[in-house]
Amino acid sequence: MVMAALALLHNPILRNSEVKIMAKRIALAFCLLAVVTVVAAAQAPSATRFSMGGNSNVTQEKKSLYTRLGGYDAIALVVDDFITRLATDKRFERFFAGFSTDSKKRLRQHILDQFCVAAGGPCVYMGRDMKTTHTGLGITEADWDAAAKHLIEALDKYKVPQAEKDELMAFVGTQKKDIVEK
């Protein structure tokens, strides 16, 4: 159908601008329909199959970590609490010195986007890689442990279940090699 609409655009017999406009609209509508179909298919929950005794198979939907955490707003609450804990901890003062309000907002958004993406949410992380971002800051193992403790306290404050907490902390743990220098 899209090809037929595009063919109308190039038909020398049909020079009528109204026909060309209509053909463009039809082509655009089908393209949009195709995009919506692809997006809907990509967002469809995946089913996990497992066997429960005998030969019977049971299908159970496995929700994403993003969904189990409560979505964007719930993750944002945890991130806001986490950043507040870091920024008010004397041990991390040197990392926040000289930050403008805009820089603090950008840092918050980067952390939020990273957590959102790691949890399978619809966000896009647009920041630099962790090694580039943290090189030269002199972050120690003790700094890492203290920051991880603050994140766990923020997750606990919002009563994030242990399984979800472990899954998020596993992602955070993958970043350690690029963040800790000493």
N, C-alpha and C. Protein backbone atom coordinates (compact mmCIF):
# COMPACT_ATOMS: atom_id res chain seq x y z
N MET A 1 0.82 -1.20 0.00
CA MET A 1 0.00 0.00 0.00
C MET A 1 0.87 1.26 0.00
N VAL A 2 1.95 1.23 0.79
CA VAL A 2 2.85 2.38 0.83
C VAL A 2 3.48 2.59 -0.54
N MET A 3 3.86 1.47 -1.16
CA MET A 3 4.49 1.56 -2.48
C MET A 3 3.51 2.14 -3.50
N ALA A 4 2.24 1.77 -3.39
CA ALA A 4 1.23 2.30 -4.31
C ALA A 4 1.07 3.80 -4.11
N ALA A 5 1.09 4.22 -2.85
CA ALA A 5 0.98 5.65 -2.56
C ALA A 5 2.18 6.41 -3.10
N LEU A 6 3.36 5.82 -2.94
CA LEU A 6 4.57 6.48 -3.46
C LEU A 6 4.57 6.50 -4.99
N ALA A 7 4.03 5.44 -5.60
CA ALA A 7 3.95 5.40 -7.06
C ALA A 7 3.06 6.53 -7.58
N LEU A 8 2.01 6.84 -6.85
CA LEU A 8 1.13 7.94 -7.26
C LEU A 8 1.89 9.27 -7.30
N LEU A 9 2.84 9.43 -6.41
CA LEU A 9 3.60 10.66 -6.35
C LEU A 9 4.42 10.89 -7.62
N HIS A 10 4.87 9.81 -8.21
CA HIS A 10 5.76 9.92 -9.36
C HIS A 10 5.06 9.65 -10.69
N ASN A 11 3.76 9.49 -10.68
CA ASN A 11 3.00 9.24 -11.90
C ASN A 11 2.85 10.55 -12.66
N PRO A 12 3.41 10.62 -13.89
CA PRO A 12 3.34 11.87 -14.65
C PRO A 12 1.91 12.25 -15.04
N ILE A 13 1.02 11.28 -15.10
CA ILE A 13 -0.36 11.58 -15.49
C ILE A 13 -1.08 12.32 -14.36
N LEU A 14 -0.74 11.96 -13.14
CA LEU A 14 -1.41 12.57 -11.98
C LEU A 14 -0.60 13.77 -11.49
N ARG A 15 -0.76 14.88 -12.09
CA ARG A 15 -0.03 16.08 -11.72
C ARG A 15 -0.83 16.91 -10.71
N ASN A 16 -2.01 16.47 -10.42
CA ASN A 16 -2.89 17.19 -9.51
C ASN A 16 -2.25 17.22 -8.12
N SER A 17 -2.05 18.40 -7.58
CA SER A 17 -1.39 18.54 -6.28
C SER A 17 -2.20 17.90 -5.15
N GLU A 18 -3.51 17.87 -5.27
CA GLU A 18 -4.34 17.26 -4.24
C GLU A 18 -4.10 15.75 -4.18
N VAL A 19 -3.93 15.12 -5.32
CA VAL A 19 -3.66 13.69 -5.35
C VAL A 19 -2.30 13.41 -4.73
N LYS A 20 -1.33 14.25 -5.05
CA LYS A 20 0.01 14.07 -4.49
C LYS A 20 0.00 14.25 -2.97
N ILE A 21 -0.73 15.23 -2.51
CA ILE A 21 -0.83 15.45 -1.07
C ILE A 21 -1.48 14.25 -0.40
N MET A 22 -2.55 13.75 -1.00
CA MET A 22 -3.24 12.58 -0.45
C MET A 22 -2.30 11.38 -0.43
N ALA A 23 -1.54 11.17 -1.49
CA ALA A 23 -0.61 10.05 -1.55
C ALA A 23 0.46 10.18 -0.46
N LYS A 24 0.95 11.39 -0.24
CA LYS A 24 1.94 11.62 0.82
C LYS A 24 1.35 11.30 2.18
N ARG A 25 0.11 11.71 2.38
CA ARG A 25 -0.53 11.45 3.67
C ARG A 25 -0.73 9.95 3.90
N ILE A 26 -1.11 9.24 2.85
CA ILE A 26 -1.29 7.79 2.97
C ILE A 26 0.04 7.13 3.29
N ALA A 27 1.09 7.53 2.58
CA ALA A 27 2.42 6.95 2.83
C ALA A 27 2.86 7.25 4.26
N LEU A 28 2.66 8.48 4.71
CA LEU A 28 3.03 8.86 6.07
C LEU A 28 2.24 8.05 7.11
N ALA A 29 0.95 7.88 6.85
CA ALA A 29 0.11 7.13 7.78
C ALA A 29 0.59 5.69 7.91
N PHE A 30 0.95 5.07 6.80
CA PHE A 30 1.42 3.69 6.85
C PHE A 30 2.79 3.59 7.52
N CYS A 31 3.64 4.57 7.29
CA CYS A 31 4.94 4.58 7.97
C CYS A 31 4.75 4.72 9.48
N LEU A 32 3.87 5.62 9.90
CA LEU A 32 3.60 5.79 11.32
C LEU A 32 3.00 4.53 11.93
N LEU A 33 2.11 3.88 11.17
CA LEU A 33 1.52 2.63 11.63
C LEU A 33 2.60 1.57 11.82
N ALA A 34 3.55 1.50 10.90
CA ALA A 34 4.64 0.54 11.01
C ALA A 34 5.49 0.83 12.24
N VAL A 35 5.80 2.09 12.49
CA VAL A 35 6.60 2.47 13.66
C VAL A 35 5.87 2.11 14.94
N VAL A 36 4.59 2.43 15.02
CA VAL A 36 3.80 2.12 16.22
C VAL A 36 3.77 0.61 16.45
N THR A 37 3.64 -0.16 15.38
CA THR A 37 3.62 -1.62 15.50
C THR A 37 4.94 -2.14 16.04
N VAL A 38 6.05 -1.63 15.51
CA VAL A 38 7.37 -2.06 15.98
C VAL A 38 7.57 -1.68 17.44
N VAL A 39 7.21 -0.45 17.81
CA VAL A 39 7.38 -0.01 19.19
C VAL A 39 6.51 -0.84 20.13
N ALA A 40 5.28 -1.11 19.74
CA ALA A 40 4.39 -1.92 20.58
C ALA A 40 4.94 -3.33 20.75
N ALA A 41 5.47 -3.89 19.69
CA ALA A 41 6.04 -5.24 19.78
C ALA A 41 7.27 -5.25 20.69
N ALA A 42 8.07 -4.20 20.62
CA ALA A 42 9.28 -4.12 21.44
C ALA A 42 8.95 -3.96 22.92
N GLN A 43 7.83 -3.32 23.22
CA GLN A 43 7.45 -3.08 24.61
C GLN A 43 6.59 -4.19 25.19
N ALA A 44 6.21 -5.16 24.38
CA ALA A 44 5.38 -6.25 24.88
C ALA A 44 6.16 -7.04 25.91
N PRO A 45 5.53 -7.38 27.03
CA PRO A 45 6.25 -8.15 28.06
C PRO A 45 6.64 -9.52 27.53
N SER A 46 7.83 -9.95 27.90
CA SER A 46 8.27 -11.28 27.47
C SER A 46 7.78 -12.30 28.48
N ALA A 47 7.48 -13.47 28.01
CA ALA A 47 7.00 -14.54 28.90
C ALA A 47 8.16 -15.48 29.20
N THR A 48 8.22 -15.90 30.42
CA THR A 48 9.25 -16.83 30.84
C THR A 48 8.57 -18.18 31.05
N ARG A 49 9.14 -19.22 30.44
CA ARG A 49 8.57 -20.56 30.59
C ARG A 49 9.42 -21.34 31.57
N PHE A 50 8.75 -22.06 32.45
CA PHE A 50 9.47 -22.93 33.35
C PHE A 50 8.61 -24.14 33.64
N SER A 51 9.25 -25.21 34.05
CA SER A 51 8.54 -26.45 34.30
C SER A 51 8.27 -26.60 35.79
N MET A 52 7.05 -26.97 36.11
CA MET A 52 6.69 -27.20 37.52
C MET A 52 6.35 -28.68 37.66
N GLY A 53 7.36 -29.47 38.02
CA GLY A 53 7.12 -30.90 38.20
C GLY A 53 6.62 -31.54 36.92
N GLY A 54 6.66 -32.80 36.82
CA GLY A 54 6.10 -33.53 35.69
C GLY A 54 6.48 -32.91 34.35
N ASN A 55 5.55 -32.99 33.42
CA ASN A 55 5.77 -32.47 32.08
C ASN A 55 4.99 -31.20 31.80
N SER A 56 4.33 -30.66 32.81
CA SER A 56 3.49 -29.48 32.57
C SER A 56 4.34 -28.23 32.49
N ASN A 57 4.06 -27.39 31.52
CA ASN A 57 4.74 -26.10 31.39
C ASN A 57 3.78 -25.00 31.81
N VAL A 58 4.30 -24.07 32.58
CA VAL A 58 3.49 -22.95 33.04
C VAL A 58 4.15 -21.68 32.51
N THR A 59 3.36 -20.81 31.93
CA THR A 59 3.89 -19.54 31.44
C THR A 59 3.63 -18.47 32.48
N GLN A 60 4.69 -17.76 32.83
CA GLN A 60 4.56 -16.69 33.81
C GLN A 60 5.27 -15.47 33.26
N GLU A 61 4.63 -14.33 33.32
CA GLU A 61 5.26 -13.11 32.87
C GLU A 61 6.31 -12.67 33.87
N LYS A 62 7.47 -12.30 33.36
CA LYS A 62 8.56 -11.79 34.20
C LYS A 62 8.60 -10.29 33.97
N LYS A 63 8.25 -9.54 34.99
CA LYS A 63 8.25 -8.08 34.88
C LYS A 63 9.68 -7.57 34.94
N SER A 64 9.93 -6.48 34.24
CA SER A 64 11.27 -5.88 34.25
C SER A 64 11.57 -5.31 35.63
N LEU A 65 12.85 -5.14 35.91
CA LEU A 65 13.26 -4.52 37.16
C LEU A 65 12.67 -3.11 37.25
N TYR A 66 12.64 -2.43 36.14
CA TYR A 66 12.06 -1.08 36.08
C TYR A 66 10.63 -1.08 36.61
N THR A 67 9.84 -2.03 36.15
CA THR A 67 8.45 -2.14 36.59
C THR A 67 8.38 -2.54 38.06
N ARG A 68 9.21 -3.50 38.46
CA ARG A 68 9.19 -3.98 39.85
C ARG A 68 9.65 -2.91 40.83
N LEU A 69 10.50 -1.99 40.37
CA LEU A 69 10.93 -0.89 41.23
C LEU A 69 9.86 0.19 41.35
N GLY A 70 8.90 0.20 40.44
CA GLY A 70 7.83 1.19 40.49
C GLY A 70 7.91 2.23 39.40
N GLY A 71 8.81 2.04 38.44
CA GLY A 71 8.89 2.96 37.31
C GLY A 71 9.76 4.17 37.58
N TYR A 72 9.67 5.11 36.68
CA TYR A 72 10.54 6.30 36.67
C TYR A 72 10.45 7.11 37.97
N ASP A 73 9.25 7.41 38.40
CA ASP A 73 9.09 8.27 39.58
C ASP A 73 9.64 7.62 40.84
N ALA A 74 9.46 6.31 40.97
CA ALA A 74 9.99 5.61 42.15
C ALA A 74 11.52 5.59 42.11
N ILE A 75 12.09 5.36 40.94
CA ILE A 75 13.55 5.38 40.81
C ILE A 75 14.08 6.78 41.09
N ALA A 76 13.35 7.80 40.63
CA ALA A 76 13.76 9.19 40.88
C ALA A 76 13.79 9.50 42.37
N LEU A 77 12.83 8.99 43.13
CA LEU A 77 12.83 9.22 44.58
C LEU A 77 14.08 8.63 45.22
N VAL A 78 14.44 7.41 44.81
CA VAL A 78 15.63 6.76 45.37
C VAL A 78 16.88 7.55 44.98
N VAL A 79 16.98 7.95 43.72
CA VAL A 79 18.15 8.71 43.25
C VAL A 79 18.26 10.03 43.99
N ASP A 80 17.14 10.72 44.16
CA ASP A 80 17.18 12.01 44.89
C ASP A 80 17.67 11.81 46.32
N ASP A 81 17.18 10.78 46.98
CA ASP A 81 17.61 10.51 48.35
C ASP A 81 19.09 10.13 48.38
N PHE A 82 19.52 9.31 47.43
CA PHE A 82 20.91 8.88 47.33
C PHE A 82 21.84 10.09 47.14
N ILE A 83 21.50 10.97 46.22
CA ILE A 83 22.34 12.14 45.95
C ILE A 83 22.38 13.07 47.16
N THR A 84 21.25 13.23 47.83
CA THR A 84 21.22 14.06 49.04
C THR A 84 22.15 13.48 50.10
N ARG A 85 22.12 12.17 50.26
CA ARG A 85 23.00 11.52 51.23
C ARG A 85 24.47 11.74 50.88
N LEU A 86 24.81 11.60 49.59
CA LEU A 86 26.19 11.82 49.16
C LEU A 86 26.61 13.27 49.38
N ALA A 87 25.76 14.19 48.96
CA ALA A 87 26.10 15.61 49.00
C ALA A 87 26.22 16.15 50.42
N THR A 88 25.56 15.51 51.37
CA THR A 88 25.61 15.98 52.76
C THR A 88 26.61 15.20 53.61
N ASP A 89 27.29 14.24 53.01
CA ASP A 89 28.30 13.45 53.71
C ASP A 89 29.65 14.17 53.52
N LYS A 90 30.28 14.55 54.62
CA LYS A 90 31.54 15.31 54.59
C LYS A 90 32.61 14.60 53.74
N ARG A 91 32.59 13.29 53.74
CA ARG A 91 33.60 12.52 53.01
C ARG A 91 33.49 12.76 51.49
N PHE A 92 32.31 13.16 51.00
CA PHE A 92 32.12 13.38 49.56
C PHE A 92 32.09 14.85 49.18
N GLU A 93 32.34 15.71 50.16
CA GLU A 93 32.31 17.16 49.94
C GLU A 93 33.19 17.58 48.76
N ARG A 94 34.37 16.98 48.66
CA ARG A 94 35.31 17.38 47.61
C ARG A 94 34.79 17.10 46.21
N PHE A 95 33.90 16.14 46.07
CA PHE A 95 33.36 15.80 44.75
C PHE A 95 32.27 16.78 44.30
N PHE A 96 31.63 17.43 45.26
CA PHE A 96 30.52 18.33 44.93
C PHE A 96 30.92 19.81 45.00
N ALA A 97 32.14 20.10 45.44
CA ALA A 97 32.60 21.48 45.57
C ALA A 97 32.58 22.16 44.20
N GLY A 98 32.01 23.32 44.14
CA GLY A 98 31.98 24.08 42.90
C GLY A 98 30.88 23.69 41.93
N PHE A 99 30.04 22.76 42.30
CA PHE A 99 28.94 22.37 41.41
C PHE A 99 27.88 23.47 41.41
N SER A 100 27.50 23.90 40.23
CA SER A 100 26.39 24.85 40.12
C SER A 100 25.09 24.07 40.30
N THR A 101 24.01 24.77 40.44
CA THR A 101 22.70 24.12 40.55
C THR A 101 22.43 23.30 39.29
N ASP A 102 22.80 23.85 38.14
CA ASP A 102 22.60 23.13 36.88
C ASP A 102 23.44 21.85 36.84
N SER A 103 24.68 21.91 37.31
CA SER A 103 25.54 20.73 37.32
C SER A 103 24.97 19.65 38.23
N LYS A 104 24.40 20.05 39.36
CA LYS A 104 23.78 19.09 40.27
C LYS A 104 22.56 18.43 39.61
N LYS A 105 21.79 19.22 38.89
CA LYS A 105 20.61 18.67 38.19
C LYS A 105 21.05 17.71 37.09
N ARG A 106 22.12 18.05 36.38
CA ARG A 106 22.61 17.19 35.32
C ARG A 106 23.13 15.87 35.90
N LEU A 107 23.86 15.94 37.02
CA LEU A 107 24.35 14.74 37.68
C LEU A 107 23.18 13.85 38.09
N ARG A 108 22.18 14.45 38.68
CA ARG A 108 20.99 13.70 39.09
C ARG A 108 20.35 13.00 37.89
N GLN A 109 20.21 13.73 36.78
CA GLN A 109 19.58 13.16 35.60
C GLN A 109 20.41 12.02 35.03
N HIS A 110 21.72 12.17 35.02
CA HIS A 110 22.58 11.10 34.51
C HIS A 110 22.44 9.83 35.36
N ILE A 111 22.46 9.99 36.67
CA ILE A 111 22.32 8.82 37.55
C ILE A 111 20.94 8.19 37.37
N LEU A 112 19.93 9.02 37.32
CA LEU A 112 18.56 8.53 37.12
C LEU A 112 18.45 7.77 35.80
N ASP A 113 18.98 8.35 34.73
CA ASP A 113 18.92 7.69 33.43
C ASP A 113 19.68 6.37 33.42
N GLN A 114 20.83 6.35 34.07
CA GLN A 114 21.61 5.11 34.13
C GLN A 114 20.84 4.01 34.86
N PHE A 115 20.27 4.34 36.00
CA PHE A 115 19.51 3.36 36.76
C PHE A 115 18.28 2.90 35.96
N CYS A 116 17.63 3.84 35.33
CA CYS A 116 16.44 3.54 34.53
C CYS A 116 16.78 2.56 33.40
N VAL A 117 17.86 2.85 32.67
CA VAL A 117 18.28 1.97 31.57
C VAL A 117 18.68 0.60 32.12
N ALA A 118 19.47 0.59 33.18
CA ALA A 118 19.93 -0.67 33.77
C ALA A 118 18.76 -1.53 34.23
N ALA A 119 17.67 -0.90 34.63
CA ALA A 119 16.50 -1.62 35.12
C ALA A 119 15.56 -2.04 33.97
N GLY A 120 15.93 -1.70 32.75
CA GLY A 120 15.10 -2.07 31.61
C GLY A 120 14.02 -1.06 31.30
N GLY A 121 14.18 0.16 31.77
CA GLY A 121 13.19 1.21 31.51
C GLY A 121 13.40 1.90 30.17
N PRO A 122 12.52 2.84 29.85
CA PRO A 122 12.53 3.48 28.54
C PRO A 122 13.49 4.67 28.42
N CYS A 123 14.39 4.84 29.35
CA CYS A 123 15.29 5.99 29.34
C CYS A 123 16.49 5.76 28.43
N VAL A 124 17.18 6.85 28.14
CA VAL A 124 18.42 6.79 27.36
C VAL A 124 19.48 7.53 28.16
N TYR A 125 20.60 6.86 28.41
CA TYR A 125 21.71 7.49 29.13
C TYR A 125 22.56 8.23 28.11
N MET A 126 22.72 9.54 28.30
CA MET A 126 23.45 10.38 27.35
C MET A 126 24.79 10.87 27.91
N GLY A 127 25.17 10.37 29.07
CA GLY A 127 26.42 10.81 29.69
C GLY A 127 27.63 10.08 29.17
N ARG A 128 28.77 10.47 29.69
CA ARG A 128 30.02 9.82 29.31
C ARG A 128 30.14 8.47 30.00
N ASP A 129 31.10 7.66 29.55
CA ASP A 129 31.33 6.38 30.20
C ASP A 129 31.92 6.64 31.59
N MET A 130 31.80 5.67 32.46
CA MET A 130 32.19 5.85 33.86
C MET A 130 33.69 6.08 34.03
N LYS A 131 34.52 5.43 33.24
CA LYS A 131 35.96 5.60 33.37
C LYS A 131 36.34 7.05 33.05
N THR A 132 35.85 7.59 31.96
CA THR A 132 36.13 8.98 31.58
C THR A 132 35.63 9.94 32.65
N THR A 133 34.43 9.70 33.13
CA THR A 133 33.81 10.59 34.11
C THR A 133 34.57 10.63 35.44
N HIS A 134 35.10 9.50 35.87
CA HIS A 134 35.68 9.42 37.21
C HIS A 134 37.21 9.43 37.26
N THR A 135 37.86 9.39 36.10
CA THR A 135 39.33 9.42 36.08
C THR A 135 39.83 10.72 36.69
N GLY A 136 40.79 10.57 37.59
CA GLY A 136 41.40 11.74 38.22
C GLY A 136 40.71 12.20 39.50
N LEU A 137 39.58 11.62 39.83
CA LEU A 137 38.88 12.02 41.06
C LEU A 137 39.48 11.35 42.29
N GLY A 138 40.25 10.32 42.10
CA GLY A 138 40.89 9.66 43.24
C GLY A 138 39.91 8.93 44.13
N ILE A 139 38.91 8.33 43.55
CA ILE A 139 37.90 7.61 44.34
C ILE A 139 38.52 6.32 44.87
N THR A 140 38.40 6.14 46.17
CA THR A 140 39.01 4.99 46.84
C THR A 140 37.97 3.89 47.08
N GLU A 141 38.48 2.76 47.49
CA GLU A 141 37.61 1.64 47.88
C GLU A 141 36.68 2.07 49.02
N ALA A 142 37.22 2.84 49.96
CA ALA A 142 36.41 3.33 51.10
C ALA A 142 35.31 4.27 50.61
N ASP A 143 35.63 5.14 49.62
CA ASP A 143 34.60 6.02 49.04
C ASP A 143 33.51 5.18 48.39
N TRP A 144 33.92 4.17 47.64
CA TRP A 144 32.97 3.29 46.96
C TRP A 144 32.04 2.63 47.98
N ASP A 145 32.63 2.07 49.03
CA ASP A 145 31.83 1.38 50.05
C ASP A 145 30.84 2.33 50.72
N ALA A 146 31.29 3.55 51.01
CA ALA A 146 30.42 4.53 51.67
C ALA A 146 29.27 4.94 50.73
N ALA A 147 29.58 5.13 49.45
CA ALA A 147 28.53 5.49 48.48
C ALA A 147 27.53 4.34 48.33
N ALA A 148 28.05 3.11 48.26
CA ALA A 148 27.16 1.94 48.15
C ALA A 148 26.24 1.85 49.38
N LYS A 149 26.80 2.15 50.54
CA LYS A 149 26.00 2.14 51.78
C LYS A 149 24.87 3.18 51.68
N HIS A 150 25.19 4.36 51.17
CA HIS A 150 24.17 5.40 51.00
C HIS A 150 23.08 4.96 50.03
N LEU A 151 23.47 4.30 48.95
CA LEU A 151 22.48 3.82 47.99
C LEU A 151 21.58 2.77 48.63
N ILE A 152 22.15 1.87 49.37
CA ILE A 152 21.35 0.84 50.05
C ILE A 152 20.40 1.48 51.06
N GLU A 153 20.87 2.49 51.78
CA GLU A 153 20.00 3.20 52.73
C GLU A 153 18.84 3.90 52.00
N ALA A 154 19.12 4.46 50.83
CA ALA A 154 18.05 5.11 50.05
C ALA A 154 17.05 4.06 49.57
N LEU A 155 17.53 2.91 49.12
CA LEU A 155 16.64 1.83 48.69
C LEU A 155 15.80 1.33 49.87
N ASP A 156 16.44 1.21 51.02
CA ASP A 156 15.72 0.75 52.22
C ASP A 156 14.66 1.76 52.66
N LYS A 157 14.98 3.04 52.53
CA LYS A 157 14.01 4.07 52.92
C LYS A 157 12.70 3.90 52.16
N TYR A 158 12.80 3.52 50.89
CA TYR A 158 11.60 3.35 50.07
C TYR A 158 11.15 1.89 50.00
N LYS A 159 11.67 1.09 50.93
CA LYS A 159 11.24 -0.31 51.10
C LYS A 159 11.31 -1.13 49.81
N VAL A 160 12.42 -0.96 49.08
CA VAL A 160 12.65 -1.76 47.88
C VAL A 160 12.93 -3.19 48.33
N PRO A 161 12.21 -4.16 47.78
CA PRO A 161 12.41 -5.56 48.18
C PRO A 161 13.85 -6.03 47.91
N GLN A 162 14.29 -7.01 48.66
CA GLN A 162 15.68 -7.48 48.60
C GLN A 162 16.08 -7.93 47.20
N ALA A 163 15.23 -8.68 46.51
CA ALA A 163 15.58 -9.18 45.17
C ALA A 163 15.86 -8.03 44.21
N GLU A 164 15.02 -7.00 44.24
CA GLU A 164 15.20 -5.85 43.36
C GLU A 164 16.43 -5.05 43.77
N LYS A 165 16.63 -4.93 45.07
CA LYS A 165 17.81 -4.23 45.58
C LYS A 165 19.08 -4.94 45.11
N ASP A 166 19.09 -6.26 45.22
CA ASP A 166 20.25 -7.05 44.79
C ASP A 166 20.50 -6.89 43.29
N GLU A 167 19.44 -6.88 42.52
CA GLU A 167 19.57 -6.74 41.07
C GLU A 167 20.15 -5.37 40.69
N LEU A 168 19.68 -4.32 41.33
CA LEU A 168 20.19 -2.97 41.06
C LEU A 168 21.64 -2.85 41.53
N MET A 169 21.93 -3.39 42.71
CA MET A 169 23.30 -3.32 43.23
C MET A 169 24.26 -4.14 42.38
N ALA A 170 23.78 -5.19 41.75
CA ALA A 170 24.63 -5.97 40.84
C ALA A 170 25.06 -5.10 39.66
N PHE A 171 24.11 -4.31 39.13
CA PHE A 171 24.47 -3.38 38.06
C PHE A 171 25.50 -2.37 38.56
N VAL A 172 25.25 -1.79 39.71
CA VAL A 172 26.17 -0.79 40.27
C VAL A 172 27.56 -1.41 40.43
N GLY A 173 27.60 -2.65 40.86
CA GLY A 173 28.87 -3.34 41.04
C GLY A 173 29.67 -3.47 39.76
N THR A 174 28.99 -3.58 38.63
CA THR A 174 29.70 -3.68 37.35
C THR A 174 30.44 -2.39 37.00
N GLN A 175 30.06 -1.29 37.63
CA GLN A 175 30.68 0.00 37.35
C GLN A 175 31.94 0.26 38.18
N LYS A 176 32.13 -0.53 39.21
CA LYS A 176 33.20 -0.28 40.18
C LYS A 176 34.58 -0.21 39.53
N LYS A 177 34.88 -1.12 38.62
CA LYS A 177 36.22 -1.17 38.01
C LYS A 177 36.56 0.12 37.27
N ASP A 178 35.55 0.84 36.80
CA ASP A 178 35.78 2.08 36.06
C ASP A 178 35.72 3.32 36.95
N ILE A 179 35.32 3.16 38.19
CA ILE A 179 35.14 4.31 39.09
C ILE A 179 36.23 4.38 40.16
N VAL A 180 36.53 3.26 40.77
CA VAL A 180 37.53 3.25 41.86
C VAL A 180 38.94 3.27 41.26
N GLU A 181 39.75 4.22 41.74
CA GLU A 181 41.12 4.35 41.24
C GLU A 181 42.17 3.85 42.23
N LYS A 182 41.86 3.93 43.51
CA LYS A 182 42.87 3.59 44.52
C LYS A 182 42.40 2.45 45.39
